[in-house]
């Protein structure tokens, strides 16, 4: 069901969650926060990816899905055919963290995906 939905595209709300990173000053970079520190390597991979259409929401447990299923399932979201528009708060940071977490998906993520960072 999800793979068919992803193939159809549309306006898709996206939110990624990962374990917060403790900074040296004691502050924590909140999961999915645009202020998260990108200067350090990706120590905490994206764990959950939420995808929302107007009539359905999916919460994906990425470690449970496994790397081999991830790219075929999610690659259509990042195609530049104008069929899919991604929206989300801190969207650019979420997508960057996803790419850092799953480098084998990076070539798909580098394509000019359509999105709106709220």
PDB file of N, CA and C in Angstrom:
ATOM      1  N   UNK A   1       0.817  -1.194   0.000  1.00  0.00           N
ATOM      2  CA  UNK A   1       0.000   0.000   0.000  1.00  0.00           C
ATOM      3  C   UNK A   1       0.864   1.262   0.000  1.00  0.00           C
ATOM      4  N   UNK A   2       1.876   1.309   0.867  1.00  0.00           N
ATOM      5  CA  UNK A   2       2.736   2.490   0.924  1.00  0.00           C
ATOM      6  C   UNK A   2       3.498   2.683  -0.382  1.00  0.00           C
ATOM      7  N   UNK A   3       4.022   1.608  -0.948  1.00  0.00           N
ATOM      8  CA  UNK A   3       4.799   1.759  -2.186  1.00  0.00           C
ATOM      9  C   UNK A   3       3.930   2.324  -3.310  1.00  0.00           C
ATOM     10  N   UNK A   4       2.663   1.913  -3.390  1.00  0.00           N
ATOM     11  CA  UNK A   4       1.758   2.478  -4.395  1.00  0.00           C
ATOM     12  C   UNK A   4       1.515   3.957  -4.128  1.00  0.00           C
ATOM     13  N   UNK A   5       1.353   4.293  -2.866  1.00  0.00           N
ATOM     14  CA  UNK A   5       1.117   5.682  -2.478  1.00  0.00           C
ATOM     15  C   UNK A   5       2.312   6.558  -2.844  1.00  0.00           C
ATOM     16  N   UNK A   6       3.508   6.083  -2.561  1.00  0.00           N
ATOM     17  CA  UNK A   6       4.728   6.826  -2.876  1.00  0.00           C
ATOM     18  C   UNK A   6       4.846   7.019  -4.388  1.00  0.00           C
ATOM     19  N   UNK A   7       4.503   5.997  -5.151  1.00  0.00           N
ATOM     20  CA  UNK A   7       4.576   6.098  -6.615  1.00  0.00           C
ATOM     21  C   UNK A   7       3.601   7.141  -7.169  1.00  0.00           C
ATOM     22  N   UNK A   8       2.438   7.276  -6.543  1.00  0.00           N
ATOM     23  CA  UNK A   8       1.455   8.267  -6.998  1.00  0.00           C
ATOM     24  C   UNK A   8       1.879   9.685  -6.685  1.00  0.00           C
ATOM     25  N   UNK A   9       2.683   9.874  -5.655  1.00  0.00           N
ATOM     26  CA  UNK A   9       3.180  11.198  -5.309  1.00  0.00           C
ATOM     27  C   UNK A   9       2.134  12.058  -4.641  1.00  0.00           C
ATOM     28  N   UNK A  10       2.103  13.336  -5.035  1.00  0.00           N
ATOM     29  CA  UNK A  10       1.209  14.295  -4.406  1.00  0.00           C
ATOM     30  C   UNK A  10       1.976  15.169  -3.432  1.00  0.00           C
ATOM     31  N   UNK A  11       1.252  15.865  -2.586  1.00  0.00           N
ATOM     32  CA  UNK A  11       1.867  16.679  -1.534  1.00  0.00           C
ATOM     33  C   UNK A  11       2.064  15.765  -0.336  1.00  0.00           C
ATOM     34  N   UNK A  12       3.322  15.659   0.110  1.00  0.00           N
ATOM     35  CA  UNK A  12       3.673  14.713   1.174  1.00  0.00           C
ATOM     36  C   UNK A  12       4.365  15.456   2.307  1.00  0.00           C
ATOM     37  N   UNK A  13       3.783  15.388   3.489  1.00  0.00           N
ATOM     38  CA  UNK A  13       4.436  15.918   4.681  1.00  0.00           C
ATOM     39  C   UNK A  13       5.510  14.943   5.124  1.00  0.00           C
ATOM     40  N   UNK A  14       6.685  15.469   5.451  1.00  0.00           N
ATOM     41  CA  UNK A  14       7.829  14.623   5.827  1.00  0.00           C
ATOM     42  C   UNK A  14       8.398  15.113   7.154  1.00  0.00           C
ATOM     43  N   UNK A  15       8.687  14.174   8.042  1.00  0.00           N
ATOM     44  CA  UNK A  15       9.354  14.498   9.297  1.00  0.00           C
ATOM     45  C   UNK A  15      10.246  13.325   9.662  1.00  0.00           C
ATOM     46  N   UNK A  16      11.492  13.603  10.002  1.00  0.00           N
ATOM     47  CA  UNK A  16      12.451  12.573  10.400  1.00  0.00           C
ATOM     48  C   UNK A  16      12.797  12.744  11.874  1.00  0.00           C
ATOM     49  N   UNK A  17      12.973  11.636  12.548  1.00  0.00           N
ATOM     50  CA  UNK A  17      13.315  11.657  13.973  1.00  0.00           C
ATOM     51  C   UNK A  17      14.569  10.831  14.217  1.00  0.00           C
ATOM     52  N   UNK A  18      15.426  11.349  15.076  1.00  0.00           N
ATOM     53  CA  UNK A  18      16.635  10.640  15.482  1.00  0.00           C
ATOM     54  C   UNK A  18      16.942  11.020  16.913  1.00  0.00           C
ATOM     55  N   UNK A  19      17.837  10.284  17.516  1.00  0.00           N
ATOM     56  CA  UNK A  19      18.216  10.547  18.904  1.00  0.00           C
ATOM     57  C   UNK A  19      18.894  11.900  18.990  1.00  0.00           C
ATOM     58  N   UNK A  20      18.490  12.731  19.953  1.00  0.00           N
ATOM     59  CA  UNK A  20      19.127  14.049  20.096  1.00  0.00           C
ATOM     60  C   UNK A  20      20.624  13.917  20.382  1.00  0.00           C
ATOM     61  N   UNK A  21      21.373  14.918  19.967  1.00  0.00           N
ATOM     62  CA  UNK A  21      22.819  14.952  20.172  1.00  0.00           C
ATOM     63  C   UNK A  21      23.124  15.953  21.281  1.00  0.00           C
ATOM     64  N   UNK A  22      23.837  15.512  22.303  1.00  0.00           N
ATOM     65  CA  UNK A  22      24.261  16.417  23.375  1.00  0.00           C
ATOM     66  C   UNK A  22      25.466  17.211  22.900  1.00  0.00           C
ATOM     67  N   UNK A  23      25.356  18.492  23.002  1.00  0.00           N
ATOM     68  CA  UNK A  23      26.470  19.353  22.612  1.00  0.00           C
ATOM     69  C   UNK A  23      27.355  19.619  23.818  1.00  0.00           C
ATOM     70  N   UNK A  24      28.519  20.124  23.569  1.00  0.00           N
ATOM     71  CA  UNK A  24      29.487  20.358  24.653  1.00  0.00           C
ATOM     72  C   UNK A  24      28.980  21.359  25.681  1.00  0.00           C
ATOM     73  N   UNK A  25      28.147  22.310  25.248  1.00  0.00           N
ATOM     74  CA  UNK A  25      27.654  23.316  26.189  1.00  0.00           C
ATOM     75  C   UNK A  25      26.453  22.811  26.991  1.00  0.00           C
ATOM     76  N   UNK A  26      26.066  21.545  26.795  1.00  0.00           N
ATOM     77  CA  UNK A  26      24.970  20.957  27.553  1.00  0.00           C
ATOM     78  C   UNK A  26      23.635  21.024  26.857  1.00  0.00           C
ATOM     79  N   UNK A  27      23.518  21.857  25.822  1.00  0.00           N
ATOM     80  CA  UNK A  27      22.263  21.918  25.083  1.00  0.00           C
ATOM     81  C   UNK A  27      22.123  20.660  24.247  1.00  0.00           C
ATOM     82  N   UNK A  28      20.897  20.307  23.961  1.00  0.00           N
ATOM     83  CA  UNK A  28      20.689  19.164  23.070  1.00  0.00           C
ATOM     84  C   UNK A  28      20.124  19.654  21.761  1.00  0.00           C
ATOM     85  N   UNK A  29      20.645  19.123  20.666  1.00  0.00           N
ATOM     86  CA  UNK A  29      20.091  19.413  19.348  1.00  0.00           C
ATOM     87  C   UNK A  29      18.871  18.535  19.167  1.00  0.00           C
ATOM     88  N   UNK A  30      17.714  19.149  19.192  1.00  0.00           N
ATOM     89  CA  UNK A  30      16.470  18.375  19.138  1.00  0.00           C
ATOM     90  C   UNK A  30      16.375  17.584  17.851  1.00  0.00           C
ATOM     91  N   UNK A  31      15.736  16.446  17.959  1.00  0.00           N
ATOM     92  CA  UNK A  31      15.512  15.596  16.795  1.00  0.00           C
ATOM     93  C   UNK A  31      14.736  16.354  15.740  1.00  0.00           C
ATOM     94  N   UNK A  32      15.256  16.379  14.530  1.00  0.00           N
ATOM     95  CA  UNK A  32      14.572  17.061  13.456  1.00  0.00           C
ATOM     96  C   UNK A  32      14.686  18.562  13.513  1.00  0.00           C
ATOM     97  N   UNK A  33      15.486  19.075  14.426  1.00  0.00           N
ATOM     98  CA  UNK A  33      15.588  20.515  14.588  1.00  0.00           C
ATOM     99  C   UNK A  33      16.503  21.125  13.547  1.00  0.00           C
ATOM    100  N   UNK A  34      16.084  22.241  12.925  1.00  0.00           N
ATOM    101  CA  UNK A  34      16.954  22.876  11.953  1.00  0.00           C
ATOM    102  C   UNK A  34      18.241  23.393  12.575  1.00  0.00           C
ATOM    103  N   UNK A  35      18.267  23.530  13.901  1.00  0.00           N
ATOM    104  CA  UNK A  35      19.480  24.026  14.542  1.00  0.00           C
ATOM    105  C   UNK A  35      20.454  22.915  14.891  1.00  0.00           C
ATOM    106  N   UNK A  36      20.131  21.689  14.519  1.00  0.00           N
ATOM    107  CA  UNK A  36      21.020  20.565  14.820  1.00  0.00           C
ATOM    108  C   UNK A  36      22.396  20.821  14.211  1.00  0.00           C
ATOM    109  N   UNK A  37      23.429  20.443  14.936  1.00  0.00           N
ATOM    110  CA  UNK A  37      24.803  20.691  14.516  1.00  0.00           C
ATOM    111  C   UNK A  37      25.201  19.743  13.402  1.00  0.00           C
ATOM    112  N   UNK A  38      25.467  20.290  12.207  1.00  0.00           N
ATOM    113  CA  UNK A  38      25.867  19.452  11.077  1.00  0.00           C
ATOM    114  C   UNK A  38      27.378  19.284  10.995  1.00  0.00           C
ATOM    115  N   UNK A  39      28.120  19.939  11.875  1.00  0.00           N
ATOM    116  CA  UNK A  39      29.564  19.857  11.788  1.00  0.00           C
ATOM    117  C   UNK A  39      30.091  18.514  12.292  1.00  0.00           C
ATOM    118  N   UNK A  40      29.325  17.827  13.134  1.00  0.00           N
ATOM    119  CA  UNK A  40      29.805  16.532  13.587  1.00  0.00           C
ATOM    120  C   UNK A  40      29.237  15.425  12.714  1.00  0.00           C
ATOM    121  N   UNK A  41      29.939  14.308  12.646  1.00  0.00           N
ATOM    122  CA  UNK A  41      29.476  13.207  11.802  1.00  0.00           C
ATOM    123  C   UNK A  41      28.123  12.697  12.289  1.00  0.00           C
ATOM    124  N   UNK A  42      27.446  11.990  11.423  1.00  0.00           N
ATOM    125  CA  UNK A  42      26.116  11.464  11.723  1.00  0.00           C
ATOM    126  C   UNK A  42      26.252  10.289  12.681  1.00  0.00           C
ATOM    127  N   UNK A  43      26.240  10.594  13.980  1.00  0.00           N
ATOM    128  CA  UNK A  43      26.359   9.537  14.983  1.00  0.00           C
ATOM    129  C   UNK A  43      25.024   8.865  15.238  1.00  0.00           C
ATOM    130  N   UNK A  44      23.953   9.621  15.057  1.00  0.00           N
ATOM    131  CA  UNK A  44      22.628   9.088  15.318  1.00  0.00           C
ATOM    132  C   UNK A  44      21.821   9.088  14.022  1.00  0.00           C
ATOM    133  N   UNK A  45      21.612   7.889  13.504  1.00  0.00           N
ATOM    134  CA  UNK A  45      20.869   7.743  12.251  1.00  0.00           C
ATOM    135  C   UNK A  45      19.395   8.083  12.456  1.00  0.00           C
ATOM    136  N   UNK A  46      18.765   8.439  11.359  1.00  0.00           N
ATOM    137  CA  UNK A  46      17.317   8.619  11.379  1.00  0.00           C
ATOM    138  C   UNK A  46      16.689   7.280  11.758  1.00  0.00           C
ATOM    139  N   UNK A  47      15.829   7.314  12.746  1.00  0.00           N
ATOM    140  CA  UNK A  47      15.167   6.097  13.223  1.00  0.00           C
ATOM    141  C   UNK A  47      13.739   5.977  12.705  1.00  0.00           C
ATOM    142  N   UNK A  48      13.031   7.095  12.704  1.00  0.00           N
ATOM    143  CA  UNK A  48      11.645   7.117  12.252  1.00  0.00           C
ATOM    144  C   UNK A  48      11.478   8.137  11.142  1.00  0.00           C
ATOM    145  N   UNK A  49      10.713   7.777  10.140  1.00  0.00           N
ATOM    146  CA  UNK A  49      10.382   8.695   9.067  1.00  0.00           C
ATOM    147  C   UNK A  49       8.866   8.710   8.957  1.00  0.00           C
ATOM    148  N   UNK A  50       8.300   9.898   9.111  1.00  0.00           N
ATOM    149  CA  UNK A  50       6.852  10.065   9.024  1.00  0.00           C
ATOM    150  C   UNK A  50       6.508  10.664   7.665  1.00  0.00           C
ATOM    151  N   UNK A  51       5.595  10.032   6.966  1.00  0.00           N
ATOM    152  CA  UNK A  51       5.123  10.494   5.667  1.00  0.00           C
ATOM    153  C   UNK A  51       3.621  10.690   5.771  1.00  0.00           C
ATOM    154  N   UNK A  52       3.137  11.870   5.387  1.00  0.00           N
ATOM    155  CA  UNK A  52       1.711  12.171   5.531  1.00  0.00           C
ATOM    156  C   UNK A  52       1.133  12.743   4.250  1.00  0.00           C
ATOM    157  N   UNK A  53       0.039  12.150   3.823  1.00  0.00           N
ATOM    158  CA  UNK A  53      -0.779  12.676   2.740  1.00  0.00           C
ATOM    159  C   UNK A  53      -2.035  13.249   3.400  1.00  0.00           C
ATOM    160  N   UNK A  54      -2.912  13.861   2.645  1.00  0.00           N
ATOM    161  CA  UNK A  54      -4.106  14.473   3.230  1.00  0.00           C
ATOM    162  C   UNK A  54      -5.029  13.456   3.894  1.00  0.00           C
ATOM    163  N   UNK A  55      -4.959  12.206   3.487  1.00  0.00           N
ATOM    164  CA  UNK A  55      -5.878  11.206   4.024  1.00  0.00           C
ATOM    165  C   UNK A  55      -5.197  10.003   4.674  1.00  0.00           C
ATOM    166  N   UNK A  56      -3.880  10.026   4.787  1.00  0.00           N
ATOM    167  CA  UNK A  56      -3.174   8.885   5.378  1.00  0.00           C
ATOM    168  C   UNK A  56      -1.811   9.312   5.907  1.00  0.00           C
ATOM    169  N   UNK A  57      -1.404   8.687   7.002  1.00  0.00           N
ATOM    170  CA  UNK A  57      -0.097   8.948   7.605  1.00  0.00           C
ATOM    171  C   UNK A  57       0.598   7.614   7.835  1.00  0.00           C
ATOM    172  N   UNK A  58       1.897   7.570   7.515  1.00  0.00           N
ATOM    173  CA  UNK A  58       2.703   6.367   7.726  1.00  0.00           C
ATOM    174  C   UNK A  58       3.896   6.753   8.603  1.00  0.00           C
ATOM    175  N   UNK A  59       4.168   5.937   9.597  1.00  0.00           N
ATOM    176  CA  UNK A  59       5.355   6.111  10.443  1.00  0.00           C
ATOM    177  C   UNK A  59       6.231   4.894  10.187  1.00  0.00           C
ATOM    178  N   UNK A  60       7.409   5.149   9.601  1.00  0.00           N
ATOM    179  CA  UNK A  60       8.300   4.054   9.197  1.00  0.00           C
ATOM    180  C   UNK A  60       9.425   3.875  10.212  1.00  0.00           C
ATOM    181  N   UNK A  61       9.570   2.675  10.702  1.00  0.00           N
ATOM    182  CA  UNK A  61      10.677   2.299  11.577  1.00  0.00           C
ATOM    183  C   UNK A  61      11.804   1.859  10.652  1.00  0.00           C
ATOM    184  N   UNK A  62      12.725   2.779  10.349  1.00  0.00           N
ATOM    185  CA  UNK A  62      13.740   2.525   9.326  1.00  0.00           C
ATOM    186  C   UNK A  62      14.667   1.358   9.664  1.00  0.00           C
ATOM    187  N   UNK A  63      15.142   1.212  10.904  1.00  0.00           N
ATOM    188  CA  UNK A  63      15.976   0.043  11.187  1.00  0.00           C
ATOM    189  C   UNK A  63      15.228  -1.276  10.965  1.00  0.00           C
ATOM    190  N   UNK A  64      13.940  -1.303  11.263  1.00  0.00           N
ATOM    191  CA  UNK A  64      13.162  -2.524  11.064  1.00  0.00           C
ATOM    192  C   UNK A  64      12.955  -2.824   9.578  1.00  0.00           C
ATOM    193  N   UNK A  65      12.848  -1.775   8.757  1.00  0.00           N
ATOM    194  CA  UNK A  65      12.686  -1.972   7.314  1.00  0.00           C
ATOM    195  C   UNK A  65      13.924  -2.600   6.698  1.00  0.00           C
ATOM    196  N   UNK A  66      15.085  -2.186   7.161  1.00  0.00           N
ATOM    197  CA  UNK A  66      16.334  -2.696   6.610  1.00  0.00           C
ATOM    198  C   UNK A  66      16.769  -1.929   5.372  1.00  0.00           C
ATOM    199  N   UNK A  67      18.059  -1.824   5.192  1.00  0.00           N
ATOM    200  CA  UNK A  67      18.640  -1.041   4.096  1.00  0.00           C
ATOM    201  C   UNK A  67      18.195  -1.512   2.717  1.00  0.00           C
ATOM    202  N   UNK A  68      18.065  -2.816   2.523  1.00  0.00           N
ATOM    203  CA  UNK A  68      17.761  -3.334   1.186  1.00  0.00           C
ATOM    204  C   UNK A  68      16.356  -2.954   0.711  1.00  0.00           C
ATOM    205  N   UNK A  69      15.442  -2.658   1.612  1.00  0.00           N
ATOM    206  CA  UNK A  69      14.078  -2.281   1.225  1.00  0.00           C
ATOM    207  C   UNK A  69      13.888  -0.775   1.159  1.00  0.00           C
ATOM    208  N   UNK A  70      14.791  -0.039   1.770  1.00  0.00           N
ATOM    209  CA  UNK A  70      14.630   1.395   1.921  1.00  0.00           C
ATOM    210  C   UNK A  70      14.668   2.169   0.612  1.00  0.00           C
ATOM    211  N   UNK A  71      15.699   1.982  -0.185  1.00  0.00           N
ATOM    212  CA  UNK A  71      15.849   2.755  -1.422  1.00  0.00           C
ATOM    213  C   UNK A  71      14.711   2.504  -2.411  1.00  0.00           C
ATOM    214  N   UNK A  72      14.357   1.255  -2.718  1.00  0.00           N
ATOM    215  CA  UNK A  72      13.254   1.060  -3.662  1.00  0.00           C
ATOM    216  C   UNK A  72      11.934   1.653  -3.173  1.00  0.00           C
ATOM    217  N   UNK A  73      11.722   1.629  -1.871  1.00  0.00           N
ATOM    218  CA  UNK A  73      10.477   2.142  -1.317  1.00  0.00           C
ATOM    219  C   UNK A  73      10.401   3.666  -1.369  1.00  0.00           C
ATOM    220  N   UNK A  74      11.503   4.340  -1.027  1.00  0.00           N
ATOM    221  CA  UNK A  74      11.463   5.792  -0.869  1.00  0.00           C
ATOM    222  C   UNK A  74      11.987   6.599  -2.050  1.00  0.00           C
ATOM    223  N   UNK A  75      12.730   5.986  -2.956  1.00  0.00           N
ATOM    224  CA  UNK A  75      13.330   6.723  -4.077  1.00  0.00           C
ATOM    225  C   UNK A  75      12.319   7.550  -4.873  1.00  0.00           C
ATOM    226  N   UNK A  76      11.112   7.050  -5.122  1.00  0.00           N
ATOM    227  CA  UNK A  76      10.170   7.865  -5.907  1.00  0.00           C
ATOM    228  C   UNK A  76       9.812   9.208  -5.264  1.00  0.00           C
ATOM    229  N   UNK A  77       9.977   9.322  -3.958  1.00  0.00           N
ATOM    230  CA  UNK A  77       9.693  10.610  -3.308  1.00  0.00           C
ATOM    231  C   UNK A  77      10.633  11.714  -3.783  1.00  0.00           C
ATOM    232  N   UNK A  78      11.817  11.329  -4.226  1.00  0.00           N
ATOM    233  CA  UNK A  78      12.852  12.308  -4.543  1.00  0.00           C
ATOM    234  C   UNK A  78      13.062  12.495  -6.037  1.00  0.00           C
ATOM    235  N   UNK A  79      12.152  12.018  -6.835  1.00  0.00           N
ATOM    236  CA  UNK A  79      12.281  12.230  -8.278  1.00  0.00           C
ATOM    237  C   UNK A  79      11.833  13.657  -8.608  1.00  0.00           C
ATOM    238  N   UNK A  80      12.412  14.183  -9.656  1.00  0.00           N
ATOM    239  CA  UNK A  80      12.172  15.586 -10.017  1.00  0.00           C
ATOM    240  C   UNK A  80      11.173  15.704 -11.163  1.00  0.00           C
ATOM    241  N   UNK A  81      10.153  14.853 -11.150  1.00  0.00           N
ATOM    242  CA  UNK A  81       9.187  14.872 -12.246  1.00  0.00           C
ATOM    243  C   UNK A  81       8.002  15.798 -11.986  1.00  0.00           C
ATOM    244  N   UNK A  82       7.980  16.467 -10.849  1.00  0.00           N
ATOM    245  CA  UNK A  82       6.892  17.379 -10.530  1.00  0.00           C
ATOM    246  C   UNK A  82       5.661  16.684  -9.976  1.00  0.00           C
ATOM    247  N   UNK A  83       5.728  15.366  -9.808  1.00  0.00           N
ATOM    248  CA  UNK A  83       4.591  14.600  -9.309  1.00  0.00           C
ATOM    249  C   UNK A  83       4.511  14.614  -7.782  1.00  0.00           C
ATOM    250  N   UNK A  84       5.634  14.892  -7.121  1.00  0.00           N
ATOM    251  CA  UNK A  84       5.693  14.857  -5.662  1.00  0.00           C
ATOM    252  C   UNK A  84       6.267  16.164  -5.141  1.00  0.00           C
ATOM    253  N   UNK A  85       5.581  16.745  -4.159  1.00  0.00           N
ATOM    254  CA  UNK A  85       6.077  17.934  -3.472  1.00  0.00           C
ATOM    255  C   UNK A  85       6.174  17.585  -1.992  1.00  0.00           C
ATOM    256  N   UNK A  86       7.377  17.688  -1.447  1.00  0.00           N
ATOM    257  CA  UNK A  86       7.614  17.386  -0.040  1.00  0.00           C
ATOM    258  C   UNK A  86       7.475  18.664   0.770  1.00  0.00           C
ATOM    259  N   UNK A  87       6.839  18.587   1.932  1.00  0.00           N
ATOM    260  CA  UNK A  87       6.702  19.742   2.820  1.00  0.00           C
ATOM    261  C   UNK A  87       7.046  19.318   4.234  1.00  0.00           C
ATOM    262  N   UNK A  88       7.617  20.238   4.988  1.00  0.00           N
ATOM    263  CA  UNK A  88       7.925  19.936   6.378  1.00  0.00           C
ATOM    264  C   UNK A  88       8.725  21.041   7.020  1.00  0.00           C
ATOM    265  N   UNK A  89       8.673  21.090   8.340  1.00  0.00           N
ATOM    266  CA  UNK A  89       9.470  22.030   9.115  1.00  0.00           C
ATOM    267  C   UNK A  89      10.884  21.471   9.226  1.00  0.00           C
ATOM    268  N   UNK A  90      11.862  22.254   8.805  1.00  0.00           N
ATOM    269  CA  UNK A  90      13.237  21.764   8.816  1.00  0.00           C
ATOM    270  C   UNK A  90      13.458  20.667   7.789  1.00  0.00           C
ATOM    271  N   UNK A  91      12.713  20.723   6.700  1.00  0.00           N
ATOM    272  CA  UNK A  91      12.757  19.670   5.675  1.00  0.00           C
ATOM    273  C   UNK A  91      14.159  19.444   5.128  1.00  0.00           C
ATOM    274  N   UNK A  92      14.862  20.507   4.808  1.00  0.00           N
ATOM    275  CA  UNK A  92      16.222  20.366   4.262  1.00  0.00           C
ATOM    276  C   UNK A  92      17.138  19.637   5.232  1.00  0.00           C
ATOM    277  N   UNK A  93      17.025  19.967   6.518  1.00  0.00           N
ATOM    278  CA  UNK A  93      17.853  19.298   7.525  1.00  0.00           C
ATOM    279  C   UNK A  93      17.455  17.835   7.691  1.00  0.00           C
ATOM    280  N   UNK A  94      16.148  17.554   7.635  1.00  0.00           N
ATOM    281  CA  UNK A  94      15.692  16.166   7.738  1.00  0.00           C
ATOM    282  C   UNK A  94      16.214  15.332   6.568  1.00  0.00           C
ATOM    283  N   UNK A  95      16.148  15.896   5.379  1.00  0.00           N
ATOM    284  CA  UNK A  95      16.616  15.160   4.199  1.00  0.00           C
ATOM    285  C   UNK A  95      18.133  15.001   4.235  1.00  0.00           C
ATOM    286  N   UNK A  96      18.842  16.021   4.703  1.00  0.00           N
ATOM    287  CA  UNK A  96      20.298  15.901   4.837  1.00  0.00           C
ATOM    288  C   UNK A  96      20.662  14.823   5.848  1.00  0.00           C
ATOM    289  N   UNK A  97      19.957  14.786   6.978  1.00  0.00           N
ATOM    290  CA  UNK A  97      20.229  13.766   8.000  1.00  0.00           C
ATOM    291  C   UNK A  97      19.915  12.368   7.445  1.00  0.00           C
ATOM    292  N   UNK A  98      18.835  12.259   6.674  1.00  0.00           N
ATOM    293  CA  UNK A  98      18.494  10.983   6.046  1.00  0.00           C
ATOM    294  C   UNK A  98      19.619  10.539   5.111  1.00  0.00           C
ATOM    295  N   UNK A  99      20.112  11.471   4.288  1.00  0.00           N
ATOM    296  CA  UNK A  99      21.206  11.153   3.356  1.00  0.00           C
ATOM    297  C   UNK A  99      22.474  10.757   4.111  1.00  0.00           C
ATOM    298  N   UNK A 100      22.770  11.445   5.209  1.00  0.00           N
ATOM    299  CA  UNK A 100      23.944  11.103   6.010  1.00  0.00           C
ATOM    300  C   UNK A 100      23.775   9.747   6.694  1.00  0.00           C
ATOM    301  N   UNK A 101      22.541   9.426   7.066  1.00  0.00           N
ATOM    302  CA  UNK A 101      22.255   8.164   7.748  1.00  0.00           C
ATOM    303  C   UNK A 101      22.301   6.965   6.807  1.00  0.00           C
ATOM    304  N   UNK A 102      21.909   7.198   5.559  1.00  0.00           N
ATOM    305  CA  UNK A 102      21.822   6.115   4.581  1.00  0.00           C
ATOM    306  C   UNK A 102      22.544   6.541   3.305  1.00  0.00           C
ATOM    307  N   UNK A 103      23.879   6.505   3.326  1.00  0.00           N
ATOM    308  CA  UNK A 103      24.666   7.005   2.190  1.00  0.00           C
ATOM    309  C   UNK A 103      24.329   6.345   0.856  1.00  0.00           C
ATOM    310  N   UNK A 104      23.880   5.089   0.878  1.00  0.00           N
ATOM    311  CA  UNK A 104      23.555   4.424  -0.379  1.00  0.00           C
ATOM    312  C   UNK A 104      22.342   5.068  -1.057  1.00  0.00           C
ATOM    313  N   UNK A 105      21.582   5.869  -0.323  1.00  0.00           N
ATOM    314  CA  UNK A 105      20.441   6.594  -0.903  1.00  0.00           C
ATOM    315  C   UNK A 105      20.845   7.978  -1.406  1.00  0.00           C
ATOM    316  N   UNK A 106      22.048   8.405  -1.110  1.00  0.00           N
ATOM    317  CA  UNK A 106      22.467   9.779  -1.392  1.00  0.00           C
ATOM    318  C   UNK A 106      22.332  10.162  -2.860  1.00  0.00           C
ATOM    319  N   UNK A 107      22.599   9.249  -3.779  1.00  0.00           N
ATOM    320  CA  UNK A 107      22.502   9.607  -5.202  1.00  0.00           C
ATOM    321  C   UNK A 107      21.070   9.975  -5.571  1.00  0.00           C
ATOM    322  N   UNK A 108      20.096   9.332  -4.979  1.00  0.00           N
ATOM    323  CA  UNK A 108      18.702   9.676  -5.222  1.00  0.00           C
ATOM    324  C   UNK A 108      18.355  11.021  -4.581  1.00  0.00           C
ATOM    325  N   UNK A 109      18.911  11.273  -3.414  1.00  0.00           N
ATOM    326  CA  UNK A 109      18.599  12.500  -2.687  1.00  0.00           C
ATOM    327  C   UNK A 109      19.250  13.725  -3.306  1.00  0.00           C
ATOM    328  N   UNK A 110      20.295  13.535  -4.097  1.00  0.00           N
ATOM    329  CA  UNK A 110      20.966  14.669  -4.714  1.00  0.00           C
ATOM    330  C   UNK A 110      20.205  15.187  -5.924  1.00  0.00           C
ATOM    331  N   UNK A 111      19.225  14.424  -6.409  1.00  0.00           N
ATOM    332  CA  UNK A 111      18.446  14.912  -7.526  1.00  0.00           C
ATOM    333  C   UNK A 111      17.648  16.123  -7.060  1.00  0.00           C
ATOM    334  N   UNK A 112      17.242  16.976  -7.974  1.00  0.00           N
ATOM    335  CA  UNK A 112      16.544  18.204  -7.556  1.00  0.00           C
ATOM    336  C   UNK A 112      15.090  17.903  -7.146  1.00  0.00           C
ATOM    337  N   UNK A 113      14.910  17.401  -5.928  1.00  0.00           N
ATOM    338  CA  UNK A 113      13.565  17.114  -5.433  1.00  0.00           C
ATOM    339  C   UNK A 113      12.818  18.411  -5.192  1.00  0.00           C
ATOM    340  N   UNK A 114      11.516  18.333  -5.267  1.00  0.00           N
ATOM    341  CA  UNK A 114      10.663  19.501  -5.057  1.00  0.00           C
ATOM    342  C   UNK A 114      10.222  19.509  -3.599  1.00  0.00           C
ATOM    343  N   UNK A 115      10.392  20.648  -2.944  1.00  0.00           N
ATOM    344  CA  UNK A 115       9.988  20.698  -1.544  1.00  0.00           C
ATOM    345  C   UNK A 115       9.776  22.108  -1.051  1.00  0.00           C
ATOM    346  N   UNK A 116       9.086  22.177   0.083  1.00  0.00           N
ATOM    347  CA  UNK A 116       8.841  23.453   0.745  1.00  0.00           C
ATOM    348  C   UNK A 116       9.173  23.294   2.215  1.00  0.00           C
ATOM    349  N   UNK A 117      10.185  24.043   2.646  1.00  0.00           N
ATOM    350  CA  UNK A 117      10.628  24.016   4.032  1.00  0.00           C
ATOM    351  C   UNK A 117       9.802  25.047   4.792  1.00  0.00           C
ATOM    352  N   UNK A 118       9.009  24.580   5.743  1.00  0.00           N
ATOM    353  CA  UNK A 118       8.115  25.480   6.479  1.00  0.00           C
ATOM    354  C   UNK A 118       8.807  26.141   7.645  1.00  0.00           C
TER     355      UNK A 118
END
